[in-house]
Amino acid sequence: MRNLHLTLSLAVSLLVAGCVNNNIEPTLKTSSASVSSKGLFECINRNGNGYIDRSEHVYLRPCGITEDLACGNVPDSFDESSNTDTVQFGSRFLQLADADGDGRISSLELRAHCNNMTVKK
Protein backbone atom coordinates (compact mmCIF):
# COMPACT_ATOMS: atom_id res chain seq x y z
CA MET A 1 0.00 0.00 0.00
CA ARG A 2 2.85 2.35 0.85
CA ASN A 3 4.54 1.63 -2.50
CA LEU A 4 1.29 2.37 -4.34
CA HIS A 5 0.97 5.69 -2.49
CA LEU A 6 4.57 6.64 -3.37
CA THR A 7 4.06 5.65 -6.99
CA LEU A 8 0.87 7.68 -7.27
CA SER A 9 2.52 10.68 -5.61
CA LEU A 10 5.43 10.49 -8.02
CA ALA A 11 3.11 10.16 -11.03
CA VAL A 12 1.07 13.20 -9.95
CA SER A 13 4.24 15.21 -9.37
CA LEU A 14 5.54 14.35 -12.85
CA LEU A 15 2.19 15.17 -14.41
CA VAL A 16 2.02 18.56 -12.72
CA ALA A 17 5.66 19.37 -13.54
CA GLY A 18 5.22 18.32 -17.17
CA CYS A 19 1.90 20.04 -17.81
CA VAL A 20 2.12 23.35 -15.97
CA ASN A 21 3.52 26.18 -18.03
CA ASN A 22 2.18 29.69 -17.54
CA ASN A 23 4.40 31.22 -20.24
CA ILE A 24 2.78 29.67 -23.28
CA GLU A 25 2.89 32.03 -26.24
CA PRO A 26 1.58 31.38 -29.73
CA THR A 27 4.99 32.12 -31.22
CA LEU A 28 7.65 29.53 -31.95
CA LYS A 29 10.43 29.82 -29.35
CA THR A 30 12.20 26.47 -29.25
CA SER A 31 15.57 25.13 -30.25
CA SER A 32 16.21 22.67 -33.04
CA ALA A 33 19.17 21.20 -31.16
CA SER A 34 17.40 18.05 -30.00
CA VAL A 35 14.13 16.18 -30.09
CA SER A 36 12.16 17.35 -27.08
CA SER A 37 8.59 16.34 -26.42
CA LYS A 38 8.22 19.49 -24.28
CA GLY A 39 9.37 21.67 -27.18
CA LEU A 40 7.05 19.83 -29.56
CA PHE A 41 4.13 20.17 -27.20
CA GLU A 42 4.69 23.90 -26.71
CA CYS A 43 4.98 24.40 -30.47
CA ILE A 44 1.80 22.45 -31.29
CA ASN A 45 -0.39 23.56 -28.36
CA ARG A 46 -1.11 27.06 -29.66
CA ASN A 47 -4.22 27.75 -27.61
CA GLY A 48 -2.48 26.98 -24.31
CA ASN A 49 -5.22 24.68 -22.99
CA GLY A 50 -2.76 21.92 -22.01
CA TYR A 51 -3.82 19.54 -24.78
CA ILE A 52 -3.24 19.08 -28.48
CA ASP A 53 -6.73 19.01 -29.93
CA ARG A 54 -8.10 18.74 -33.47
CA SER A 55 -7.82 22.47 -34.13
CA GLU A 56 -4.05 22.23 -33.63
CA HIS A 57 -3.38 19.25 -35.93
CA VAL A 58 -2.29 21.70 -38.62
CA TYR A 59 0.84 22.34 -36.51
CA LEU A 60 1.92 18.68 -36.24
CA ARG A 61 4.16 18.60 -39.33
CA PRO A 62 5.50 22.16 -39.10
CA CYS A 63 6.48 21.60 -35.46
CA GLY A 64 8.41 18.40 -36.13
CA ILE A 65 6.12 15.35 -36.32
CA THR A 66 7.48 13.39 -39.27
CA GLU A 67 5.57 11.53 -41.98
CA ASP A 68 6.04 8.24 -40.10
CA LEU A 69 4.47 9.96 -37.03
CA ALA A 70 7.78 10.02 -35.15
CA CYS A 71 8.88 13.05 -33.14
CA GLY A 72 11.43 15.16 -34.98
CA ASN A 73 13.22 18.37 -34.18
CA VAL A 74 11.24 21.56 -33.77
CA PRO A 75 12.45 23.98 -36.46
CA ASP A 76 13.48 27.53 -35.66
CA SER A 77 10.80 28.77 -38.09
CA PHE A 78 8.30 27.27 -40.51
CA ASP A 79 5.68 28.00 -43.11
CA GLU A 80 2.20 27.71 -41.59
CA SER A 81 0.51 26.99 -44.90
CA SER A 82 -2.01 24.17 -44.71
CA ASN A 83 -1.54 20.75 -46.32
CA THR A 84 -4.45 19.02 -48.03
CA ASP A 85 -4.08 15.83 -45.98
CA THR A 86 -3.74 17.54 -42.57
CA VAL A 87 -7.01 16.01 -41.30
CA GLN A 88 -5.96 12.47 -42.21
CA PHE A 89 -2.45 12.99 -40.82
CA GLY A 90 -3.85 14.43 -37.57
CA SER A 91 -6.33 11.55 -37.25
CA ARG A 92 -3.56 8.97 -37.66
CA PHE A 93 -1.42 10.77 -35.07
CA LEU A 94 -4.36 11.03 -32.66
CA GLN A 95 -5.05 7.30 -32.97
CA LEU A 96 -1.46 6.52 -32.15
CA ALA A 97 -0.78 9.02 -29.36
CA ASP A 98 -4.15 9.41 -27.56
CA ALA A 99 -3.67 6.75 -24.89
CA ASP A 100 -6.83 7.51 -22.88
CA GLY A 101 -9.11 7.95 -25.91
CA ASP A 102 -10.41 11.40 -24.96
CA GLY A 103 -9.84 12.86 -28.44
CA ARG A 104 -6.89 15.05 -27.45
CA ILE A 105 -3.22 14.59 -26.61
CA SER A 106 -1.74 15.69 -23.30
CA SER A 107 1.93 16.52 -22.83
CA LEU A 108 2.32 13.20 -20.99
CA GLU A 109 0.76 11.30 -23.91
CA LEU A 110 3.03 13.12 -26.37
CA ARG A 111 6.09 12.30 -24.25
CA ALA A 112 5.09 8.62 -24.10
CA HIS A 113 4.51 8.60 -27.87
CA CYS A 114 7.89 10.21 -28.59
CA ASN A 115 9.67 7.80 -26.25
CA ASN A 116 7.88 4.84 -27.83
CA MET A 117 8.76 5.94 -31.37
CA THR A 118 12.42 6.46 -30.34
CA VAL A 119 12.59 2.92 -28.95
CA LYS A 120 11.10 1.45 -32.17
CA LYS A 121 13.75 3.02 -34.43
C-alpha atoms as a PDB file:
ATOM      1  CA  MET A   1       0.000   0.000   0.000  1.00  0.00           C
ATOM      2  CA  ARG A   2       2.855   2.350   0.852  1.00  0.00           C
ATOM      3  CA  ASN A   3       4.535   1.629  -2.502  1.00  0.00           C
ATOM      4  CA  LEU A   4       1.290   2.375  -4.338  1.00  0.00           C
ATOM      5  CA  HIS A   5       0.972   5.693  -2.495  1.00  0.00           C
ATOM      6  CA  LEU A   6       4.567   6.638  -3.366  1.00  0.00           C
ATOM      7  CA  THR A   7       4.064   5.648  -6.992  1.00  0.00           C
ATOM      8  CA  LEU A   8       0.874   7.677  -7.274  1.00  0.00           C
ATOM      9  CA  SER A   9       2.523  10.682  -5.606  1.00  0.00           C
ATOM     10  CA  LEU A  10       5.434  10.492  -8.021  1.00  0.00           C
ATOM     11  CA  ALA A  11       3.108  10.162 -11.026  1.00  0.00           C
ATOM     12  CA  VAL A  12       1.065  13.200  -9.954  1.00  0.00           C
ATOM     13  CA  SER A  13       4.243  15.210  -9.374  1.00  0.00           C
ATOM     14  CA  LEU A  14       5.541  14.349 -12.850  1.00  0.00           C
ATOM     15  CA  LEU A  15       2.190  15.165 -14.407  1.00  0.00           C
ATOM     16  CA  VAL A  16       2.023  18.556 -12.721  1.00  0.00           C
ATOM     17  CA  ALA A  17       5.658  19.365 -13.539  1.00  0.00           C
ATOM     18  CA  GLY A  18       5.222  18.321 -17.166  1.00  0.00           C
ATOM     19  CA  CYS A  19       1.898  20.040 -17.810  1.00  0.00           C
ATOM     20  CA  VAL A  20       2.124  23.353 -15.965  1.00  0.00           C
ATOM     21  CA  ASN A  21       3.524  26.181 -18.025  1.00  0.00           C
ATOM     22  CA  ASN A  22       2.181  29.686 -17.540  1.00  0.00           C
ATOM     23  CA  ASN A  23       4.403  31.222 -20.236  1.00  0.00           C
ATOM     24  CA  ILE A  24       2.780  29.669 -23.278  1.00  0.00           C
ATOM     25  CA  GLU A  25       2.888  32.026 -26.238  1.00  0.00           C
ATOM     26  CA  PRO A  26       1.582  31.377 -29.728  1.00  0.00           C
ATOM     27  CA  THR A  27       4.994  32.122 -31.224  1.00  0.00           C
ATOM     28  CA  LEU A  28       7.654  29.527 -31.948  1.00  0.00           C
ATOM     29  CA  LYS A  29      10.434  29.819 -29.348  1.00  0.00           C
ATOM     30  CA  THR A  30      12.196  26.468 -29.253  1.00  0.00           C
ATOM     31  CA  SER A  31      15.566  25.128 -30.252  1.00  0.00           C
ATOM     32  CA  SER A  32      16.209  22.669 -33.045  1.00  0.00           C
ATOM     33  CA  ALA A  33      19.173  21.205 -31.159  1.00  0.00           C
ATOM     34  CA  SER A  34      17.405  18.048 -29.997  1.00  0.00           C
ATOM     35  CA  VAL A  35      14.127  16.182 -30.093  1.00  0.00           C
ATOM     36  CA  SER A  36      12.159  17.350 -27.075  1.00  0.00           C
ATOM     37  CA  SER A  37       8.587  16.343 -26.420  1.00  0.00           C
ATOM     38  CA  LYS A  38       8.222  19.486 -24.282  1.00  0.00           C
ATOM     39  CA  GLY A  39       9.365  21.669 -27.179  1.00  0.00           C
ATOM     40  CA  LEU A  40       7.051  19.826 -29.563  1.00  0.00           C
ATOM     41  CA  PHE A  41       4.128  20.169 -27.198  1.00  0.00           C
ATOM     42  CA  GLU A  42       4.685  23.904 -26.712  1.00  0.00           C
ATOM     43  CA  CYS A  43       4.980  24.395 -30.467  1.00  0.00           C
ATOM     44  CA  ILE A  44       1.800  22.454 -31.291  1.00  0.00           C
ATOM     45  CA  ASN A  45      -0.391  23.559 -28.356  1.00  0.00           C
ATOM     46  CA  ARG A  46      -1.107  27.062 -29.662  1.00  0.00           C
ATOM     47  CA  ASN A  47      -4.224  27.753 -27.610  1.00  0.00           C
ATOM     48  CA  GLY A  48      -2.478  26.975 -24.308  1.00  0.00           C
ATOM     49  CA  ASN A  49      -5.215  24.680 -22.994  1.00  0.00           C
ATOM     50  CA  GLY A  50      -2.759  21.924 -22.008  1.00  0.00           C
ATOM     51  CA  TYR A  51      -3.824  19.539 -24.783  1.00  0.00           C
ATOM     52  CA  ILE A  52      -3.241  19.080 -28.483  1.00  0.00           C
ATOM     53  CA  ASP A  53      -6.730  19.013 -29.927  1.00  0.00           C
ATOM     54  CA  ARG A  54      -8.101  18.741 -33.470  1.00  0.00           C
ATOM     55  CA  SER A  55      -7.824  22.470 -34.125  1.00  0.00           C
ATOM     56  CA  GLU A  56      -4.054  22.225 -33.632  1.00  0.00           C
ATOM     57  CA  HIS A  57      -3.376  19.252 -35.929  1.00  0.00           C
ATOM     58  CA  VAL A  58      -2.291  21.704 -38.615  1.00  0.00           C
ATOM     59  CA  TYR A  59       0.839  22.337 -36.512  1.00  0.00           C
ATOM     60  CA  LEU A  60       1.923  18.683 -36.239  1.00  0.00           C
ATOM     61  CA  ARG A  61       4.162  18.604 -39.330  1.00  0.00           C
ATOM     62  CA  PRO A  62       5.498  22.160 -39.105  1.00  0.00           C
ATOM     63  CA  CYS A  63       6.482  21.602 -35.462  1.00  0.00           C
ATOM     64  CA  GLY A  64       8.410  18.397 -36.128  1.00  0.00           C
ATOM     65  CA  ILE A  65       6.120  15.354 -36.316  1.00  0.00           C
ATOM     66  CA  THR A  66       7.476  13.390 -39.272  1.00  0.00           C
ATOM     67  CA  GLU A  67       5.567  11.526 -41.983  1.00  0.00           C
ATOM     68  CA  ASP A  68       6.044   8.239 -40.096  1.00  0.00           C
ATOM     69  CA  LEU A  69       4.469   9.958 -37.031  1.00  0.00           C
ATOM     70  CA  ALA A  70       7.781  10.021 -35.146  1.00  0.00           C
ATOM     71  CA  CYS A  71       8.883  13.045 -33.142  1.00  0.00           C
ATOM     72  CA  GLY A  72      11.428  15.157 -34.982  1.00  0.00           C
ATOM     73  CA  ASN A  73      13.217  18.370 -34.182  1.00  0.00           C
ATOM     74  CA  VAL A  74      11.243  21.561 -33.770  1.00  0.00           C
ATOM     75  CA  PRO A  75      12.452  23.976 -36.460  1.00  0.00           C
ATOM     76  CA  ASP A  76      13.483  27.532 -35.661  1.00  0.00           C
ATOM     77  CA  SER A  77      10.801  28.769 -38.089  1.00  0.00           C
ATOM     78  CA  PHE A  78       8.298  27.270 -40.505  1.00  0.00           C
ATOM     79  CA  ASP A  79       5.683  28.002 -43.108  1.00  0.00           C
ATOM     80  CA  GLU A  80       2.204  27.712 -41.585  1.00  0.00           C
ATOM     81  CA  SER A  81       0.508  26.986 -44.896  1.00  0.00           C
ATOM     82  CA  SER A  82      -2.014  24.167 -44.713  1.00  0.00           C
ATOM     83  CA  ASN A  83      -1.544  20.754 -46.325  1.00  0.00           C
ATOM     84  CA  THR A  84      -4.455  19.017 -48.025  1.00  0.00           C
ATOM     85  CA  ASP A  85      -4.078  15.833 -45.976  1.00  0.00           C
ATOM     86  CA  THR A  86      -3.745  17.538 -42.567  1.00  0.00           C
ATOM     87  CA  VAL A  87      -7.008  16.013 -41.304  1.00  0.00           C
ATOM     88  CA  GLN A  88      -5.961  12.474 -42.214  1.00  0.00           C
ATOM     89  CA  PHE A  89      -2.451  12.993 -40.822  1.00  0.00           C
ATOM     90  CA  GLY A  90      -3.849  14.426 -37.572  1.00  0.00           C
ATOM     91  CA  SER A  91      -6.329  11.551 -37.252  1.00  0.00           C
ATOM     92  CA  ARG A  92      -3.557   8.970 -37.659  1.00  0.00           C
ATOM     93  CA  PHE A  93      -1.424  10.766 -35.070  1.00  0.00           C
ATOM     94  CA  LEU A  94      -4.359  11.035 -32.663  1.00  0.00           C
ATOM     95  CA  GLN A  95      -5.051   7.296 -32.967  1.00  0.00           C
ATOM     96  CA  LEU A  96      -1.457   6.517 -32.152  1.00  0.00           C
ATOM     97  CA  ALA A  97      -0.783   9.023 -29.361  1.00  0.00           C
ATOM     98  CA  ASP A  98      -4.146   9.407 -27.561  1.00  0.00           C
ATOM     99  CA  ALA A  99      -3.673   6.749 -24.889  1.00  0.00           C
ATOM    100  CA  ASP A 100      -6.827   7.515 -22.884  1.00  0.00           C
ATOM    101  CA  GLY A 101      -9.108   7.955 -25.908  1.00  0.00           C
ATOM    102  CA  ASP A 102     -10.408  11.396 -24.964  1.00  0.00           C
ATOM    103  CA  GLY A 103      -9.842  12.862 -28.437  1.00  0.00           C
ATOM    104  CA  ARG A 104      -6.895  15.046 -27.453  1.00  0.00           C
ATOM    105  CA  ILE A 105      -3.215  14.590 -26.614  1.00  0.00           C
ATOM    106  CA  SER A 106      -1.742  15.689 -23.297  1.00  0.00           C
ATOM    107  CA  SER A 107       1.928  16.516 -22.826  1.00  0.00           C
ATOM    108  CA  LEU A 108       2.323  13.199 -20.991  1.00  0.00           C
ATOM    109  CA  GLU A 109       0.765  11.296 -23.914  1.00  0.00           C
ATOM    110  CA  LEU A 110       3.033  13.119 -26.372  1.00  0.00           C
ATOM    111  CA  ARG A 111       6.094  12.302 -24.252  1.00  0.00           C
ATOM    112  CA  ALA A 112       5.086   8.623 -24.104  1.00  0.00           C
ATOM    113  CA  HIS A 113       4.507   8.601 -27.871  1.00  0.00           C
ATOM    114  CA  CYS A 114       7.886  10.212 -28.588  1.00  0.00           C
ATOM    115  CA  ASN A 115       9.671   7.799 -26.249  1.00  0.00           C
ATOM    116  CA  ASN A 116       7.876   4.841 -27.831  1.00  0.00           C
ATOM    117  CA  MET A 117       8.755   5.940 -31.367  1.00  0.00           C
ATOM    118  CA  THR A 118      12.416   6.459 -30.342  1.00  0.00           C
ATOM    119  CA  VAL A 119      12.588   2.917 -28.955  1.00  0.00           C
ATOM    120  CA  LYS A 120      11.103   1.451 -32.169  1.00  0.00           C
ATOM    121  CA  LYS A 121      13.746   3.024 -34.435  1.00  0.00           C
END
